[in-house]
PDB file of N, CA and C in Angstrom:
ATOM      1  N   MET A   1     -37.293 -39.086  10.309  1.00  0.00           N
ATOM      2  CA  MET A   1     -36.982 -40.295  10.199  1.00  0.00           C
ATOM      3  C   MET A   1     -36.562 -40.023   8.508  1.00  0.00           C
ATOM      4  N   LEU A   2     -36.142 -41.054   7.952  1.00  0.00           N
ATOM      5  CA  LEU A   2     -35.827 -40.980   6.561  1.00  0.00           C
ATOM      6  C   LEU A   2     -36.860 -42.279   5.693  1.00  0.00           C
ATOM      7  N   SER A   3     -37.510 -42.182   4.749  1.00  0.00           N
ATOM      8  CA  SER A   3     -38.225 -43.352   4.543  1.00  0.00           C
ATOM      9  C   SER A   3     -38.208 -43.392   2.842  1.00  0.00           C
ATOM     10  N   ARG A   4     -38.049 -44.760   2.469  1.00  0.00           N
ATOM     11  CA  ARG A   4     -38.103 -45.073   1.225  1.00  0.00           C
ATOM     12  C   ARG A   4     -39.804 -45.104   1.085  1.00  0.00           C
ATOM     13  N   SER A   5     -40.096 -45.303  -0.129  1.00  0.00           N
ATOM     14  CA  SER A   5     -41.646 -45.113  -0.339  1.00  0.00           C
ATOM     15  C   SER A   5     -42.291 -46.285  -0.448  1.00  0.00           C
ATOM     16  N   GLY A   6     -43.465 -46.333   0.698  1.00  0.00           N
ATOM     17  CA  GLY A   6     -44.026 -47.496   1.098  1.00  0.00           C
ATOM     18  C   GLY A   6     -43.651 -48.043   2.367  1.00  0.00           C
ATOM     19  N   GLN A   7     -42.572 -47.548   2.972  1.00  0.00           N
ATOM     20  CA  GLN A   7     -42.039 -48.093   3.908  1.00  0.00           C
ATOM     21  C   GLN A   7     -42.207 -47.676   5.297  1.00  0.00           C
ATOM     22  N   SER A   8     -43.321 -46.902   5.297  1.00  0.00           N
ATOM     23  CA  SER A   8     -43.491 -46.171   6.821  1.00  0.00           C
ATOM     24  C   SER A   8     -44.879 -45.742   6.759  1.00  0.00           C
ATOM     25  N   ARG A   9     -45.377 -45.419   7.835  1.00  0.00           N
ATOM     26  CA  ARG A   9     -46.650 -44.460   8.104  1.00  0.00           C
ATOM     27  C   ARG A   9     -46.280 -43.124   7.753  1.00  0.00           C
ATOM     28  N   ARG A  10     -45.120 -42.627   7.898  1.00  0.00           N
ATOM     29  CA  ARG A  10     -44.972 -41.338   7.962  1.00  0.00           C
ATOM     30  C   ARG A  10     -43.974 -41.223   6.689  1.00  0.00           C
ATOM     31  N   GLU A  11     -44.063 -40.612   5.659  1.00  0.00           N
ATOM     32  CA  GLU A  11     -43.146 -40.577   4.540  1.00  0.00           C
ATOM     33  C   GLU A  11     -42.787 -39.180   4.447  1.00  0.00           C
ATOM     34  N   VAL A  12     -41.247 -39.552   4.249  1.00  0.00           N
ATOM     35  CA  VAL A  12     -40.207 -38.699   4.487  1.00  0.00           C
ATOM     36  C   VAL A  12     -39.505 -38.745   3.192  1.00  0.00           C
ATOM     37  N   ALA A  13     -39.177 -37.837   2.453  1.00  0.00           N
ATOM     38  CA  ALA A  13     -38.081 -38.465   1.198  1.00  0.00           C
ATOM     39  C   ALA A  13     -36.662 -38.414   1.395  1.00  0.00           C
ATOM     40  N   LEU A  14     -36.144 -38.859   0.843  1.00  0.00           N
ATOM     41  CA  LEU A  14     -34.333 -39.095   1.113  1.00  0.00           C
ATOM     42  C   LEU A  14     -34.219 -38.133   0.761  1.00  0.00           C
ATOM     43  N   PRO A  15     -32.963 -37.136   1.344  1.00  0.00           N
ATOM     44  CA  PRO A  15     -31.976 -36.459   0.662  1.00  0.00           C
ATOM     45  C   PRO A  15     -31.731 -36.555  -0.680  1.00  0.00           C
ATOM     46  N   SER A  16     -31.501 -35.394  -1.598  1.00  0.00           N
ATOM     47  CA  SER A  16     -31.199 -35.684  -2.897  1.00  0.00           C
ATOM     48  C   SER A  16     -29.582 -36.122  -2.795  1.00  0.00           C
ATOM     49  N   ALA A  17     -29.251 -36.496  -4.199  1.00  0.00           N
ATOM     50  CA  ALA A  17     -27.963 -36.954  -4.367  1.00  0.00           C
ATOM     51  C   ALA A  17     -27.042 -35.917  -4.283  1.00  0.00           C
ATOM     52  N   GLY A  18     -27.523 -34.396  -4.451  1.00  0.00           N
ATOM     53  CA  GLY A  18     -26.332 -33.302  -4.363  1.00  0.00           C
ATOM     54  C   GLY A  18     -26.575 -32.957  -2.998  1.00  0.00           C
ATOM     55  N   GLU A  19     -27.368 -33.139  -1.962  1.00  0.00           N
ATOM     56  CA  GLU A  19     -27.804 -33.130  -0.768  1.00  0.00           C
ATOM     57  C   GLU A  19     -26.986 -33.846  -0.085  1.00  0.00           C
ATOM     58  N   ILE A  20     -26.891 -35.358  -0.419  1.00  0.00           N
ATOM     59  CA  ILE A  20     -26.209 -36.243   0.083  1.00  0.00           C
ATOM     60  C   ILE A  20     -24.461 -36.042  -0.058  1.00  0.00           C
ATOM     61  N   LEU A  21     -24.398 -35.580  -1.102  1.00  0.00           N
ATOM     62  CA  LEU A  21     -22.791 -35.232  -1.482  1.00  0.00           C
ATOM     63  C   LEU A  21     -22.339 -34.065  -0.575  1.00  0.00           C
ATOM     64  N   GLN A  22     -23.136 -33.151  -0.174  1.00  0.00           N
ATOM     65  CA  GLN A  22     -22.679 -32.046   0.465  1.00  0.00           C
ATOM     66  C   GLN A  22     -22.444 -32.540   1.809  1.00  0.00           C
ATOM     67  N   MET A  23     -23.401 -33.487   2.459  1.00  0.00           N
ATOM     68  CA  MET A  23     -23.249 -33.894   3.674  1.00  0.00           C
ATOM     69  C   MET A  23     -21.902 -34.813   3.868  1.00  0.00           C
ATOM     70  N   ALA A  24     -21.893 -36.066   2.780  1.00  0.00           N
ATOM     71  CA  ALA A  24     -20.585 -36.452   2.721  1.00  0.00           C
ATOM     72  C   ALA A  24     -19.171 -35.497   2.705  1.00  0.00           C
ATOM     73  N   SER A  25     -19.403 -34.608   1.814  1.00  0.00           N
ATOM     74  CA  SER A  25     -18.012 -33.853   1.909  1.00  0.00           C
ATOM     75  C   SER A  25     -17.523 -33.174   3.344  1.00  0.00           C
ATOM     76  N   ASP A  26     -18.843 -32.592   3.939  1.00  0.00           N
ATOM     77  CA  ASP A  26     -18.740 -32.265   4.997  1.00  0.00           C
ATOM     78  C   ASP A  26     -18.064 -33.320   6.054  1.00  0.00           C
ATOM     79  N   PHE A  27     -18.763 -34.285   6.194  1.00  0.00           N
ATOM     80  CA  PHE A  27     -18.692 -35.228   6.994  1.00  0.00           C
ATOM     81  C   PHE A  27     -17.116 -35.443   6.986  1.00  0.00           C
ATOM     82  N   ALA A  28     -16.683 -35.823   5.617  1.00  0.00           N
ATOM     83  CA  ALA A  28     -15.347 -36.232   5.240  1.00  0.00           C
ATOM     84  C   ALA A  28     -14.035 -35.086   5.287  1.00  0.00           C
ATOM     85  N   GLU A  29     -14.619 -33.844   5.551  1.00  0.00           N
ATOM     86  CA  GLU A  29     -13.950 -32.851   5.685  1.00  0.00           C
ATOM     87  C   GLU A  29     -13.438 -32.927   7.769  1.00  0.00           C
ATOM     88  N   GLU A  30     -14.634 -33.076   8.100  1.00  0.00           N
ATOM     89  CA  GLU A  30     -14.518 -32.939   9.923  1.00  0.00           C
ATOM     90  C   GLU A  30     -13.739 -34.323  10.145  1.00  0.00           C
ATOM     91  N   HIS A  31     -13.983 -35.283   9.484  1.00  0.00           N
ATOM     92  CA  HIS A  31     -13.331 -36.855  10.086  1.00  0.00           C
ATOM     93  C   HIS A  31     -12.439 -37.459   8.990  1.00  0.00           C
ATOM     94  N   GLY A  32     -11.965 -36.786   7.833  1.00  0.00           N
ATOM     95  CA  GLY A  32     -10.571 -36.967   7.470  1.00  0.00           C
ATOM     96  C   GLY A  32     -10.467 -38.389   7.007  1.00  0.00           C
ATOM     97  N   ALA A  33      -9.461 -39.371   7.180  1.00  0.00           N
ATOM     98  CA  ALA A  33      -9.565 -40.401   7.048  1.00  0.00           C
ATOM     99  C   ALA A  33     -10.459 -41.535   7.521  1.00  0.00           C
ATOM    100  N   ASP A  34     -10.820 -41.144   8.724  1.00  0.00           N
ATOM    101  CA  ASP A  34     -11.535 -42.080   9.334  1.00  0.00           C
ATOM    102  C   ASP A  34     -13.284 -42.459   9.011  1.00  0.00           C
ATOM    103  N   ALA A  35     -13.742 -41.194   7.895  1.00  0.00           N
ATOM    104  CA  ALA A  35     -15.129 -40.890   7.728  1.00  0.00           C
ATOM    105  C   ALA A  35     -15.980 -42.233   7.256  1.00  0.00           C
ATOM    106  N   CYS A  36     -15.089 -42.792   6.231  1.00  0.00           N
ATOM    107  CA  CYS A  36     -15.745 -44.073   5.728  1.00  0.00           C
ATOM    108  C   CYS A  36     -16.058 -45.127   6.914  1.00  0.00           C
ATOM    109  N   ASP A  37     -14.829 -45.185   7.626  1.00  0.00           N
ATOM    110  CA  ASP A  37     -14.966 -46.384   8.806  1.00  0.00           C
ATOM    111  C   ASP A  37     -16.343 -46.051  10.022  1.00  0.00           C
ATOM    112  N   TYR A  38     -16.322 -44.250  10.369  1.00  0.00           N
ATOM    113  CA  TYR A  38     -17.483 -44.262  11.072  1.00  0.00           C
ATOM    114  C   TYR A  38     -19.018 -44.420  10.004  1.00  0.00           C
ATOM    115  N   ALA A  39     -19.233 -43.991   8.632  1.00  0.00           N
ATOM    116  CA  ALA A  39     -20.029 -44.229   8.073  1.00  0.00           C
ATOM    117  C   ALA A  39     -20.536 -45.836   8.116  1.00  0.00           C
ATOM    118  N   TYR A  40     -19.168 -46.801   7.899  1.00  0.00           N
ATOM    119  CA  TYR A  40     -19.424 -47.958   7.864  1.00  0.00           C
ATOM    120  C   TYR A  40     -20.191 -48.503   9.147  1.00  0.00           C
ATOM    121  N   ARG A  41     -19.908 -48.349   9.987  1.00  0.00           N
ATOM    122  CA  ARG A  41     -20.239 -48.577  11.465  1.00  0.00           C
ATOM    123  C   ARG A  41     -21.655 -48.219  11.831  1.00  0.00           C
ATOM    124  N   ALA A  42     -21.792 -46.944  11.380  1.00  0.00           N
ATOM    125  CA  ALA A  42     -23.394 -46.533  11.574  1.00  0.00           C
ATOM    126  C   ALA A  42     -24.057 -47.686  10.586  1.00  0.00           C
ATOM    127  N   VAL A  43     -23.682 -48.031   9.463  1.00  0.00           N
ATOM    128  CA  VAL A  43     -24.478 -48.894   8.571  1.00  0.00           C
ATOM    129  C   VAL A  43     -24.953 -50.218   9.327  1.00  0.00           C
ATOM    130  N   VAL A  44     -23.725 -50.872   9.974  1.00  0.00           N
ATOM    131  CA  VAL A  44     -23.913 -52.043  10.562  1.00  0.00           C
ATOM    132  C   VAL A  44     -24.910 -51.762  12.133  1.00  0.00           C
ATOM    133  N   SER A  45     -24.040 -50.805  12.714  1.00  0.00           N
ATOM    134  CA  SER A  45     -25.153 -50.561  14.229  1.00  0.00           C
ATOM    135  C   SER A  45     -26.945 -50.592  13.766  1.00  0.00           C
ATOM    136  N   PHE A  46     -26.939 -49.410  12.708  1.00  0.00           N
ATOM    137  CA  PHE A  46     -28.236 -49.626  12.276  1.00  0.00           C
ATOM    138  C   PHE A  46     -28.975 -50.829  11.815  1.00  0.00           C
ATOM    139  N   GLU A  47     -28.292 -51.358  11.282  1.00  0.00           N
ATOM    140  CA  GLU A  47     -28.983 -52.483  10.729  1.00  0.00           C
ATOM    141  C   GLU A  47     -29.498 -53.844  11.800  1.00  0.00           C
ATOM    142  N   ALA A  48     -28.212 -53.842  12.678  1.00  0.00           N
ATOM    143  CA  ALA A  48     -27.974 -54.873  13.853  1.00  0.00           C
ATOM    144  C   ALA A  48     -29.534 -54.208  15.003  1.00  0.00           C
ATOM    145  N   GLU A  49     -30.034 -53.064  15.193  1.00  0.00           N
ATOM    146  CA  GLU A  49     -30.801 -52.509  15.626  1.00  0.00           C
ATOM    147  C   GLU A  49     -32.630 -52.644  14.980  1.00  0.00           C
ATOM    148  N   GLY A  50     -32.498 -53.166  13.787  1.00  0.00           N
ATOM    149  CA  GLY A  50     -33.806 -52.923  13.096  1.00  0.00           C
ATOM    150  C   GLY A  50     -33.978 -51.723  12.332  1.00  0.00           C
ATOM    151  N   GLU A  51     -32.885 -50.871  12.291  1.00  0.00           N
ATOM    152  CA  GLU A  51     -33.268 -49.226  11.752  1.00  0.00           C
ATOM    153  C   GLU A  51     -32.905 -49.150   9.895  1.00  0.00           C
ATOM    154  N   GLY A  52     -33.626 -49.984   9.381  1.00  0.00           N
ATOM    155  CA  GLY A  52     -33.000 -50.285   7.889  1.00  0.00           C
ATOM    156  C   GLY A  52     -33.062 -48.425   7.399  1.00  0.00           C
ATOM    157  N   GLU A  53     -34.087 -47.820   7.498  1.00  0.00           N
ATOM    158  CA  GLU A  53     -34.017 -46.581   6.896  1.00  0.00           C
ATOM    159  C   GLU A  53     -32.778 -45.907   7.482  1.00  0.00           C
ATOM    160  N   LYS A  54     -32.223 -45.596   8.461  1.00  0.00           N
ATOM    161  CA  LYS A  54     -31.521 -44.886   8.909  1.00  0.00           C
ATOM    162  C   LYS A  54     -29.865 -45.798   8.259  1.00  0.00           C
ATOM    163  N   ALA A  55     -29.753 -46.985   8.585  1.00  0.00           N
ATOM    164  CA  ALA A  55     -29.039 -47.640   7.802  1.00  0.00           C
ATOM    165  C   ALA A  55     -28.280 -47.467   6.633  1.00  0.00           C
ATOM    166  N   HIS A  56     -29.818 -47.420   5.860  1.00  0.00           N
ATOM    167  CA  HIS A  56     -29.939 -47.148   3.999  1.00  0.00           C
ATOM    168  C   HIS A  56     -29.355 -45.690   4.086  1.00  0.00           C
ATOM    169  N   PHE A  57     -29.326 -44.872   4.950  1.00  0.00           N
ATOM    170  CA  PHE A  57     -28.987 -43.213   4.405  1.00  0.00           C
ATOM    171  C   PHE A  57     -27.527 -43.139   4.920  1.00  0.00           C
ATOM    172  N   TRP A  58     -27.043 -43.963   5.800  1.00  0.00           N
ATOM    173  CA  TRP A  58     -25.704 -44.524   6.251  1.00  0.00           C
ATOM    174  C   TRP A  58     -24.939 -45.095   5.161  1.00  0.00           C
ATOM    175  N   PHE A  59     -25.709 -45.893   4.472  1.00  0.00           N
ATOM    176  CA  PHE A  59     -24.842 -46.251   3.281  1.00  0.00           C
ATOM    177  C   PHE A  59     -24.587 -45.790   2.169  1.00  0.00           C
ATOM    178  N   LEU A  60     -25.805 -44.600   1.800  1.00  0.00           N
ATOM    179  CA  LEU A  60     -25.516 -44.075   0.674  1.00  0.00           C
ATOM    180  C   LEU A  60     -24.297 -42.791   0.957  1.00  0.00           C
ATOM    181  N   LEU A  61     -24.430 -42.451   2.075  1.00  0.00           N
ATOM    182  CA  LEU A  61     -23.356 -41.420   2.708  1.00  0.00           C
ATOM    183  C   LEU A  61     -22.203 -42.007   2.471  1.00  0.00           C
ATOM    184  N   LEU A  62     -21.766 -43.636   3.034  1.00  0.00           N
ATOM    185  CA  LEU A  62     -20.572 -44.322   2.483  1.00  0.00           C
ATOM    186  C   LEU A  62     -20.152 -44.617   1.192  1.00  0.00           C
ATOM    187  N   VAL A  63     -21.209 -44.634   0.052  1.00  0.00           N
ATOM    188  CA  VAL A  63     -21.033 -44.816  -0.861  1.00  0.00           C
ATOM    189  C   VAL A  63     -20.166 -43.116  -1.531  1.00  0.00           C
ATOM    190  N   MET A  64     -21.032 -42.405  -1.078  1.00  0.00           N
ATOM    191  CA  MET A  64     -20.320 -40.964  -1.649  1.00  0.00           C
ATOM    192  C   MET A  64     -18.896 -40.666  -0.873  1.00  0.00           C
ATOM    193  N   LEU A  65     -18.987 -40.936   0.349  1.00  0.00           N
ATOM    194  CA  LEU A  65     -17.383 -40.783   0.956  1.00  0.00           C
ATOM    195  C   LEU A  65     -16.565 -41.691   0.033  1.00  0.00           C
ATOM    196  N   GLY A  66     -16.616 -43.129  -0.152  1.00  0.00           N
ATOM    197  CA  GLY A  66     -15.763 -43.857  -0.698  1.00  0.00           C
ATOM    198  C   GLY A  66     -15.089 -43.009  -1.978  1.00  0.00           C
ATOM    199  N   ASP A  67     -16.179 -42.717  -3.225  1.00  0.00           N
ATOM    200  CA  ASP A  67     -15.998 -41.779  -4.119  1.00  0.00           C
ATOM    201  C   ASP A  67     -15.439 -40.685  -3.738  1.00  0.00           C
ATOM    202  N   ILE A  68     -15.599 -40.235  -2.522  1.00  0.00           N
ATOM    203  CA  ILE A  68     -14.567 -38.786  -2.407  1.00  0.00           C
ATOM    204  C   ILE A  68     -12.942 -39.075  -2.483  1.00  0.00           C
ATOM    205  N   ALA A  69     -13.158 -40.373  -1.353  1.00  0.00           N
ATOM    206  CA  ALA A  69     -11.775 -40.762  -1.011  1.00  0.00           C
ATOM    207  C   ALA A  69     -11.187 -41.177  -1.929  1.00  0.00           C
ATOM    208  N   SER A  70     -11.590 -42.015  -2.954  1.00  0.00           N
ATOM    209  CA  SER A  70     -10.715 -42.225  -4.128  1.00  0.00           C
ATOM    210  C   SER A  70     -10.485 -41.738  -5.101  1.00  0.00           C
ATOM    211  N   HIS A  71     -11.187 -39.970  -4.960  1.00  0.00           N
ATOM    212  CA  HIS A  71     -10.853 -39.420  -6.042  1.00  0.00           C
ATOM    213  C   HIS A  71     -11.859 -39.394  -7.576  1.00  0.00           C
ATOM    214  N   ARG A  72     -12.769 -40.478  -7.095  1.00  0.00           N
ATOM    215  CA  ARG A  72     -13.669 -40.496  -8.096  1.00  0.00           C
ATOM    216  C   ARG A  72     -14.609 -39.436  -8.422  1.00  0.00           C
ATOM    217  N   LEU A  73     -15.117 -38.467  -7.487  1.00  0.00           N
ATOM    218  CA  LEU A  73     -16.134 -37.542  -7.258  1.00  0.00           C
ATOM    219  C   LEU A  73     -15.319 -36.512  -6.372  1.00  0.00           C
ATOM    220  N   ASN A  74     -15.536 -35.183  -7.130  1.00  0.00           N
ATOM    221  CA  ASN A  74     -14.757 -33.993  -6.530  1.00  0.00           C
ATOM    222  C   ASN A  74     -16.481 -32.983  -5.989  1.00  0.00           C
ATOM    223  N   PRO A  75     -16.813 -33.127  -4.626  1.00  0.00           N
ATOM    224  CA  PRO A  75     -17.540 -32.453  -4.125  1.00  0.00           C
ATOM    225  C   PRO A  75     -17.656 -31.029  -4.347  1.00  0.00           C
ATOM    226  N   ASP A  76     -16.282 -30.298  -5.256  1.00  0.00           N
ATOM    227  CA  ASP A  76     -16.446 -29.038  -5.741  1.00  0.00           C
ATOM    228  C   ASP A  76     -17.018 -28.803  -7.018  1.00  0.00           C
ATOM    229  N   LYS A  77     -17.027 -29.708  -7.535  1.00  0.00           N
ATOM    230  CA  LYS A  77     -17.714 -29.871  -8.692  1.00  0.00           C
ATOM    231  C   LYS A  77     -18.951 -30.009  -9.087  1.00  0.00           C
ATOM    232  N   PRO A  78     -19.928 -29.985 -10.044  1.00  0.00           N
ATOM    233  CA  PRO A  78     -21.256 -30.068 -10.197  1.00  0.00           C
ATOM    234  C   PRO A  78     -21.229 -31.745 -10.508  1.00  0.00           C
ATOM    235  N   LEU A  79     -22.385 -32.108  -9.627  1.00  0.00           N
ATOM    236  CA  LEU A  79     -22.517 -33.633  -9.826  1.00  0.00           C
ATOM    237  C   LEU A  79     -23.430 -34.185 -10.837  1.00  0.00           C
ATOM    238  N   THR A  80     -23.040 -35.248 -11.796  1.00  0.00           N
ATOM    239  CA  THR A  80     -23.181 -35.741 -12.684  1.00  0.00           C
ATOM    240  C   THR A  80     -23.611 -37.113 -12.339  1.00  0.00           C
ATOM    241  N   ILE A  81     -25.046 -37.581 -12.443  1.00  0.00           N
ATOM    242  CA  ILE A  81     -25.215 -39.169 -12.777  1.00  0.00           C
ATOM    243  C   ILE A  81     -25.693 -39.654 -13.670  1.00  0.00           C
ATOM    244  N   HIS A  82     -24.967 -40.897 -14.330  1.00  0.00           N
ATOM    245  CA  HIS A  82     -25.047 -41.489 -15.272  1.00  0.00           C
ATOM    246  C   HIS A  82     -26.714 -42.301 -15.161  1.00  0.00           C
TER     247      HIS A  82
END
């Protein structure tokens, strides 16, 4: 279970930005053009089920997937966050 600070009895940190980028890259490679759609559906589904932490994780993945798809982010290069 993923948790943001103060939102759960059991605290588990979100993956780092680099780890999310790697997951997004792997997901994009596996699912191609459908990756963003799958991630979006996961966000909507988890939100509807009241699983905010899971929805938050998939939203972060969706953001990275969008940046990869639009070539604003290259998963083969070091990640720089401003």
